[in-house]
């Protein structure tokens, strides 16, 4: 199953994608439905849910802010 990690901007999503790909983690930048994002986040990173502990760790390590995790 895939999940989406919401991001506040396209710039942050691109930066996060680059960092994760350097770590060997494949993600896709997506535009989640506004119905799924109560905060109104307009971009997200979609990946296999089994990778999310690594994704969160690396983004925190790099100081890249992110929102919530939603079902993709």
PDB file of N, CA and C in Angstrom:
ATOM      1  N   UNK A   1       0.840  -1.177   0.000  1.00  0.00           N
ATOM      2  CA  UNK A   1       0.000   0.000   0.000  1.00  0.00           C
ATOM      3  C   UNK A   1       0.888   1.245   0.000  1.00  0.00           C
ATOM      4  N   UNK A   2       0.454   2.268  -0.695  1.00  0.00           N
ATOM      5  CA  UNK A   2       1.219   3.497  -0.768  1.00  0.00           C
ATOM      6  C   UNK A   2       0.590   4.570   0.105  1.00  0.00           C
ATOM      7  N   UNK A   3       1.445   5.433   0.607  1.00  0.00           N
ATOM      8  CA  UNK A   3       1.015   6.555   1.431  1.00  0.00           C
ATOM      9  C   UNK A   3       1.634   7.823   0.865  1.00  0.00           C
ATOM     10  N   UNK A   4       1.101   8.959   1.307  1.00  0.00           N
ATOM     11  CA  UNK A   4       1.582  10.261   0.864  1.00  0.00           C
ATOM     12  C   UNK A   4       1.993  11.071   2.082  1.00  0.00           C
ATOM     13  N   UNK A   5       3.169  11.659   1.991  1.00  0.00           N
ATOM     14  CA  UNK A   5       3.658  12.583   3.014  1.00  0.00           C
ATOM     15  C   UNK A   5       3.446  13.983   2.455  1.00  0.00           C
ATOM     16  N   UNK A   6       2.611  14.774   3.119  1.00  0.00           N
ATOM     17  CA  UNK A   6       2.282  16.090   2.583  1.00  0.00           C
ATOM     18  C   UNK A   6       3.430  17.071   2.793  1.00  0.00           C
ATOM     19  N   UNK A   7       3.534  17.985   1.843  1.00  0.00           N
ATOM     20  CA  UNK A   7       4.565  19.024   1.849  1.00  0.00           C
ATOM     21  C   UNK A   7       3.869  20.360   1.586  1.00  0.00           C
ATOM     22  N   UNK A   8       4.433  21.433   2.127  1.00  0.00           N
ATOM     23  CA  UNK A   8       3.780  22.738   1.988  1.00  0.00           C
ATOM     24  C   UNK A   8       4.046  23.419   0.654  1.00  0.00           C
ATOM     25  N   UNK A   9       5.060  22.962  -0.072  1.00  0.00           N
ATOM     26  CA  UNK A   9       5.344  23.607  -1.359  1.00  0.00           C
ATOM     27  C   UNK A   9       5.987  22.615  -2.332  1.00  0.00           C
ATOM     28  N   UNK A  10       5.932  22.987  -3.576  1.00  0.00           N
ATOM     29  CA  UNK A  10       6.562  22.165  -4.606  1.00  0.00           C
ATOM     30  C   UNK A  10       8.085  22.186  -4.438  1.00  0.00           C
ATOM     31  N   UNK A  11       8.619  23.315  -4.031  1.00  0.00           N
ATOM     32  CA  UNK A  11      10.065  23.433  -3.832  1.00  0.00           C
ATOM     33  C   UNK A  11      10.551  22.451  -2.772  1.00  0.00           C
ATOM     34  N   UNK A  12       9.847  22.376  -1.649  1.00  0.00           N
ATOM     35  CA  UNK A  12      10.222  21.426  -0.598  1.00  0.00           C
ATOM     36  C   UNK A  12      10.074  19.985  -1.066  1.00  0.00           C
ATOM     37  N   UNK A  13       9.029  19.716  -1.834  1.00  0.00           N
ATOM     38  CA  UNK A  13       8.824  18.357  -2.345  1.00  0.00           C
ATOM     39  C   UNK A  13       9.971  17.944  -3.264  1.00  0.00           C
ATOM     40  N   UNK A  14      10.430  18.851  -4.107  1.00  0.00           N
ATOM     41  CA  UNK A  14      11.540  18.556  -5.018  1.00  0.00           C
ATOM     42  C   UNK A  14      12.828  18.337  -4.228  1.00  0.00           C
ATOM     43  N   UNK A  15      13.070  19.202  -3.258  1.00  0.00           N
ATOM     44  CA  UNK A  15      14.267  19.066  -2.417  1.00  0.00           C
ATOM     45  C   UNK A  15      14.255  17.727  -1.680  1.00  0.00           C
ATOM     46  N   UNK A  16      13.108  17.375  -1.102  1.00  0.00           N
ATOM     47  CA  UNK A  16      12.984  16.113  -0.369  1.00  0.00           C
ATOM     48  C   UNK A  16      13.190  14.923  -1.300  1.00  0.00           C
ATOM     49  N   UNK A  17      12.618  14.994  -2.491  1.00  0.00           N
ATOM     50  CA  UNK A  17      12.774  13.905  -3.464  1.00  0.00           C
ATOM     51  C   UNK A  17      14.241  13.692  -3.810  1.00  0.00           C
ATOM     52  N   UNK A  18      14.974  14.776  -4.009  1.00  0.00           N
ATOM     53  CA  UNK A  18      16.401  14.671  -4.327  1.00  0.00           C
ATOM     54  C   UNK A  18      17.182  14.014  -3.192  1.00  0.00           C
ATOM     55  N   UNK A  19      16.910  14.458  -1.971  1.00  0.00           N
ATOM     56  CA  UNK A  19      17.601  13.893  -0.803  1.00  0.00           C
ATOM     57  C   UNK A  19      17.310  12.401  -0.686  1.00  0.00           C
ATOM     58  N   UNK A  20      16.044  12.037  -0.828  1.00  0.00           N
ATOM     59  CA  UNK A  20      15.660  10.628  -0.674  1.00  0.00           C
ATOM     60  C   UNK A  20      16.246   9.764  -1.793  1.00  0.00           C
ATOM     61  N   UNK A  21      16.264  10.270  -3.007  1.00  0.00           N
ATOM     62  CA  UNK A  21      16.835   9.502  -4.110  1.00  0.00           C
ATOM     63  C   UNK A  21      18.336   9.289  -3.915  1.00  0.00           C
ATOM     64  N   UNK A  22      19.016  10.258  -3.308  1.00  0.00           N
ATOM     65  CA  UNK A  22      20.440  10.082  -3.002  1.00  0.00           C
ATOM     66  C   UNK A  22      20.640   8.970  -1.969  1.00  0.00           C
ATOM     67  N   UNK A  23      19.626   8.737  -1.152  1.00  0.00           N
ATOM     68  CA  UNK A  23      19.674   7.679  -0.140  1.00  0.00           C
ATOM     69  C   UNK A  23      19.149   6.350  -0.684  1.00  0.00           C
ATOM     70  N   UNK A  24      18.739   6.327  -1.962  1.00  0.00           N
ATOM     71  CA  UNK A  24      18.254   5.103  -2.584  1.00  0.00           C
ATOM     72  C   UNK A  24      16.768   4.837  -2.398  1.00  0.00           C
ATOM     73  N   UNK A  25      16.011   5.870  -2.023  1.00  0.00           N
ATOM     74  CA  UNK A  25      14.572   5.723  -1.807  1.00  0.00           C
ATOM     75  C   UNK A  25      13.830   6.407  -2.952  1.00  0.00           C
ATOM     76  N   UNK A  26      12.996   5.650  -3.632  1.00  0.00           N
ATOM     77  CA  UNK A  26      12.233   6.176  -4.755  1.00  0.00           C
ATOM     78  C   UNK A  26      10.880   6.713  -4.274  1.00  0.00           C
ATOM     79  N   UNK A  27      10.603   7.973  -4.609  1.00  0.00           N
ATOM     80  CA  UNK A  27       9.318   8.594  -4.284  1.00  0.00           C
ATOM     81  C   UNK A  27       8.811   9.333  -5.517  1.00  0.00           C
ATOM     82  N   UNK A  28       7.518   9.613  -5.520  1.00  0.00           N
ATOM     83  CA  UNK A  28       6.914  10.407  -6.593  1.00  0.00           C
ATOM     84  C   UNK A  28       6.297  11.659  -5.987  1.00  0.00           C
ATOM     85  N   UNK A  29       6.428  12.773  -6.680  1.00  0.00           N
ATOM     86  CA  UNK A  29       5.747  13.992  -6.250  1.00  0.00           C
ATOM     87  C   UNK A  29       4.337  13.945  -6.817  1.00  0.00           C
ATOM     88  N   UNK A  30       3.354  14.142  -5.937  1.00  0.00           N
ATOM     89  CA  UNK A  30       1.950  14.084  -6.346  1.00  0.00           C
ATOM     90  C   UNK A  30       1.201  15.294  -5.794  1.00  0.00           C
ATOM     91  N   UNK A  31       0.016  15.503  -6.338  1.00  0.00           N
ATOM     92  CA  UNK A  31      -0.889  16.545  -5.834  1.00  0.00           C
ATOM     93  C   UNK A  31      -2.070  15.839  -5.192  1.00  0.00           C
ATOM     94  N   UNK A  32      -2.062  15.682  -3.871  1.00  0.00           N
ATOM     95  CA  UNK A  32      -3.165  14.983  -3.217  1.00  0.00           C
ATOM     96  C   UNK A  32      -4.476  15.766  -3.314  1.00  0.00           C
ATOM     97  N   UNK A  33      -5.551  15.026  -3.267  1.00  0.00           N
ATOM     98  CA  UNK A  33      -6.875  15.644  -3.310  1.00  0.00           C
ATOM     99  C   UNK A  33      -7.060  16.550  -2.091  1.00  0.00           C
ATOM    100  N   UNK A  34      -7.629  17.740  -2.275  1.00  0.00           N
ATOM    101  CA  UNK A  34      -7.886  18.627  -1.127  1.00  0.00           C
ATOM    102  C   UNK A  34      -8.762  17.963  -0.060  1.00  0.00           C
ATOM    103  N   UNK A  35      -9.557  16.995  -0.476  1.00  0.00           N
ATOM    104  CA  UNK A  35     -10.405  16.276   0.483  1.00  0.00           C
ATOM    105  C   UNK A  35      -9.571  15.475   1.473  1.00  0.00           C
ATOM    106  N   UNK A  36      -8.369  15.055   1.056  1.00  0.00           N
ATOM    107  CA  UNK A  36      -7.502  14.244   1.908  1.00  0.00           C
ATOM    108  C   UNK A  36      -6.569  15.074   2.775  1.00  0.00           C
ATOM    109  N   UNK A  37      -6.450  16.363   2.480  1.00  0.00           N
ATOM    110  CA  UNK A  37      -5.503  17.201   3.204  1.00  0.00           C
ATOM    111  C   UNK A  37      -6.225  18.351   3.898  1.00  0.00           C
ATOM    112  N   UNK A  38      -6.612  18.140   5.129  1.00  0.00           N
ATOM    113  CA  UNK A  38      -7.351  19.179   5.844  1.00  0.00           C
ATOM    114  C   UNK A  38      -6.572  20.490   5.998  1.00  0.00           C
ATOM    115  N   UNK A  39      -5.260  20.429   5.989  1.00  0.00           N
ATOM    116  CA  UNK A  39      -4.455  21.649   6.102  1.00  0.00           C
ATOM    117  C   UNK A  39      -4.294  22.352   4.769  1.00  0.00           C
ATOM    118  N   UNK A  40      -4.722  21.737   3.699  1.00  0.00           N
ATOM    119  CA  UNK A  40      -4.622  22.344   2.386  1.00  0.00           C
ATOM    120  C   UNK A  40      -3.272  22.193   1.716  1.00  0.00           C
ATOM    121  N   UNK A  41      -2.477  21.227   2.147  1.00  0.00           N
ATOM    122  CA  UNK A  41      -1.174  21.000   1.509  1.00  0.00           C
ATOM    123  C   UNK A  41      -1.408  20.621   0.051  1.00  0.00           C
ATOM    124  N   UNK A  42      -0.636  21.229  -0.827  1.00  0.00           N
ATOM    125  CA  UNK A  42      -0.896  21.011  -2.244  1.00  0.00           C
ATOM    126  C   UNK A  42       0.065  20.053  -2.930  1.00  0.00           C
ATOM    127  N   UNK A  43       1.090  19.608  -2.226  1.00  0.00           N
ATOM    128  CA  UNK A  43       2.032  18.661  -2.813  1.00  0.00           C
ATOM    129  C   UNK A  43       2.357  17.579  -1.800  1.00  0.00           C
ATOM    130  N   UNK A  44       2.797  16.449  -2.315  1.00  0.00           N
ATOM    131  CA  UNK A  44       3.169  15.364  -1.423  1.00  0.00           C
ATOM    132  C   UNK A  44       4.158  14.424  -2.086  1.00  0.00           C
ATOM    133  N   UNK A  45       4.749  13.591  -1.258  1.00  0.00           N
ATOM    134  CA  UNK A  45       5.647  12.546  -1.731  1.00  0.00           C
ATOM    135  C   UNK A  45       4.947  11.218  -1.536  1.00  0.00           C
ATOM    136  N   UNK A  46       4.789  10.454  -2.597  1.00  0.00           N
ATOM    137  CA  UNK A  46       4.115   9.166  -2.528  1.00  0.00           C
ATOM    138  C   UNK A  46       5.147   8.051  -2.601  1.00  0.00           C
ATOM    139  N   UNK A  47       4.996   7.075  -1.685  1.00  0.00           N
ATOM    140  CA  UNK A  47       5.924   5.948  -1.640  1.00  0.00           C
ATOM    141  C   UNK A  47       5.259   4.780  -0.932  1.00  0.00           C
ATOM    142  N   UNK A  48       5.896   3.643  -1.033  1.00  0.00           N
ATOM    143  CA  UNK A  48       5.437   2.444  -0.329  1.00  0.00           C
ATOM    144  C   UNK A  48       5.475   2.720   1.170  1.00  0.00           C
ATOM    145  N   UNK A  49       4.415   2.343   1.866  1.00  0.00           N
ATOM    146  CA  UNK A  49       4.324   2.643   3.300  1.00  0.00           C
ATOM    147  C   UNK A  49       5.462   2.007   4.105  1.00  0.00           C
ATOM    148  N   UNK A  50       6.055   0.941   3.598  1.00  0.00           N
ATOM    149  CA  UNK A  50       7.158   0.286   4.318  1.00  0.00           C
ATOM    150  C   UNK A  50       8.418   1.147   4.356  1.00  0.00           C
ATOM    151  N   UNK A  51       8.489   2.160   3.518  1.00  0.00           N
ATOM    152  CA  UNK A  51       9.659   3.034   3.466  1.00  0.00           C
ATOM    153  C   UNK A  51       9.536   4.270   4.357  1.00  0.00           C
ATOM    154  N   UNK A  52       8.365   4.476   4.957  1.00  0.00           N
ATOM    155  CA  UNK A  52       8.121   5.738   5.642  1.00  0.00           C
ATOM    156  C   UNK A  52       8.983   5.980   6.873  1.00  0.00           C
ATOM    157  N   UNK A  53       9.385   4.959   7.584  1.00  0.00           N
ATOM    158  CA  UNK A  53      10.270   5.208   8.735  1.00  0.00           C
ATOM    159  C   UNK A  53      11.603   5.770   8.242  1.00  0.00           C
ATOM    160  N   UNK A  54      12.109   5.263   7.117  1.00  0.00           N
ATOM    161  CA  UNK A  54      13.349   5.781   6.538  1.00  0.00           C
ATOM    162  C   UNK A  54      13.150   7.195   5.998  1.00  0.00           C
ATOM    163  N   UNK A  55      12.043   7.409   5.304  1.00  0.00           N
ATOM    164  CA  UNK A  55      11.749   8.722   4.731  1.00  0.00           C
ATOM    165  C   UNK A  55      11.705   9.786   5.823  1.00  0.00           C
ATOM    166  N   UNK A  56      10.975   9.520   6.887  1.00  0.00           N
ATOM    167  CA  UNK A  56      10.865  10.489   7.977  1.00  0.00           C
ATOM    168  C   UNK A  56      12.219  10.744   8.630  1.00  0.00           C
ATOM    169  N   UNK A  57      12.983   9.686   8.815  1.00  0.00           N
ATOM    170  CA  UNK A  57      14.300   9.825   9.427  1.00  0.00           C
ATOM    171  C   UNK A  57      15.196  10.735   8.587  1.00  0.00           C
ATOM    172  N   UNK A  58      15.289  10.473   7.301  1.00  0.00           N
ATOM    173  CA  UNK A  58      16.173  11.249   6.437  1.00  0.00           C
ATOM    174  C   UNK A  58      15.721  12.705   6.293  1.00  0.00           C
ATOM    175  N   UNK A  59      14.416  12.931   6.212  1.00  0.00           N
ATOM    176  CA  UNK A  59      13.937  14.307   6.098  1.00  0.00           C
ATOM    177  C   UNK A  59      14.214  15.086   7.383  1.00  0.00           C
ATOM    178  N   UNK A  60      14.007  14.451   8.533  1.00  0.00           N
ATOM    179  CA  UNK A  60      14.333  15.113   9.800  1.00  0.00           C
ATOM    180  C   UNK A  60      15.826  15.404   9.882  1.00  0.00           C
ATOM    181  N   UNK A  61      16.632  14.440   9.473  1.00  0.00           N
ATOM    182  CA  UNK A  61      18.085  14.592   9.503  1.00  0.00           C
ATOM    183  C   UNK A  61      18.546  15.777   8.652  1.00  0.00           C
ATOM    184  N   UNK A  62      17.865  16.000   7.524  1.00  0.00           N
ATOM    185  CA  UNK A  62      18.218  17.087   6.611  1.00  0.00           C
ATOM    186  C   UNK A  62      17.498  18.399   6.950  1.00  0.00           C
ATOM    187  N   UNK A  63      16.618  18.371   7.945  1.00  0.00           N
ATOM    188  CA  UNK A  63      15.899  19.582   8.335  1.00  0.00           C
ATOM    189  C   UNK A  63      14.839  20.019   7.344  1.00  0.00           C
ATOM    190  N   UNK A  64      14.269  19.066   6.615  1.00  0.00           N
ATOM    191  CA  UNK A  64      13.232  19.379   5.631  1.00  0.00           C
ATOM    192  C   UNK A  64      11.865  19.194   6.297  1.00  0.00           C
ATOM    193  N   UNK A  65      11.090  20.270   6.402  1.00  0.00           N
ATOM    194  CA  UNK A  65       9.782  20.170   7.063  1.00  0.00           C
ATOM    195  C   UNK A  65       8.768  19.401   6.202  1.00  0.00           C
ATOM    196  N   UNK A  66       7.864  18.730   6.876  1.00  0.00           N
ATOM    197  CA  UNK A  66       6.806  17.992   6.179  1.00  0.00           C
ATOM    198  C   UNK A  66       5.551  18.034   7.029  1.00  0.00           C
ATOM    199  N   UNK A  67       4.448  17.620   6.406  1.00  0.00           N
ATOM    200  CA  UNK A  67       3.163  17.634   7.081  1.00  0.00           C
ATOM    201  C   UNK A  67       2.796  16.270   7.617  1.00  0.00           C
ATOM    202  N   UNK A  68       1.620  15.838   7.217  1.00  0.00           N
ATOM    203  CA  UNK A  68       1.100  14.577   7.738  1.00  0.00           C
ATOM    204  C   UNK A  68       1.198  13.466   6.717  1.00  0.00           C
ATOM    205  N   UNK A  69       0.972  12.252   7.186  1.00  0.00           N
ATOM    206  CA  UNK A  69       0.951  11.079   6.316  1.00  0.00           C
ATOM    207  C   UNK A  69      -0.503  10.724   6.057  1.00  0.00           C
ATOM    208  N   UNK A  70      -0.845  10.594   4.782  1.00  0.00           N
ATOM    209  CA  UNK A  70      -2.213  10.230   4.402  1.00  0.00           C
ATOM    210  C   UNK A  70      -2.175   9.009   3.489  1.00  0.00           C
ATOM    211  N   UNK A  71      -3.290   8.323   3.394  1.00  0.00           N
ATOM    212  CA  UNK A  71      -3.389   7.162   2.495  1.00  0.00           C
ATOM    213  C   UNK A  71      -3.441   7.663   1.060  1.00  0.00           C
ATOM    214  N   UNK A  72      -2.632   7.016   0.214  1.00  0.00           N
ATOM    215  CA  UNK A  72      -2.581   7.402  -1.190  1.00  0.00           C
ATOM    216  C   UNK A  72      -3.479   6.560  -1.956  1.00  0.00           C
TER     217      UNK A  72
END
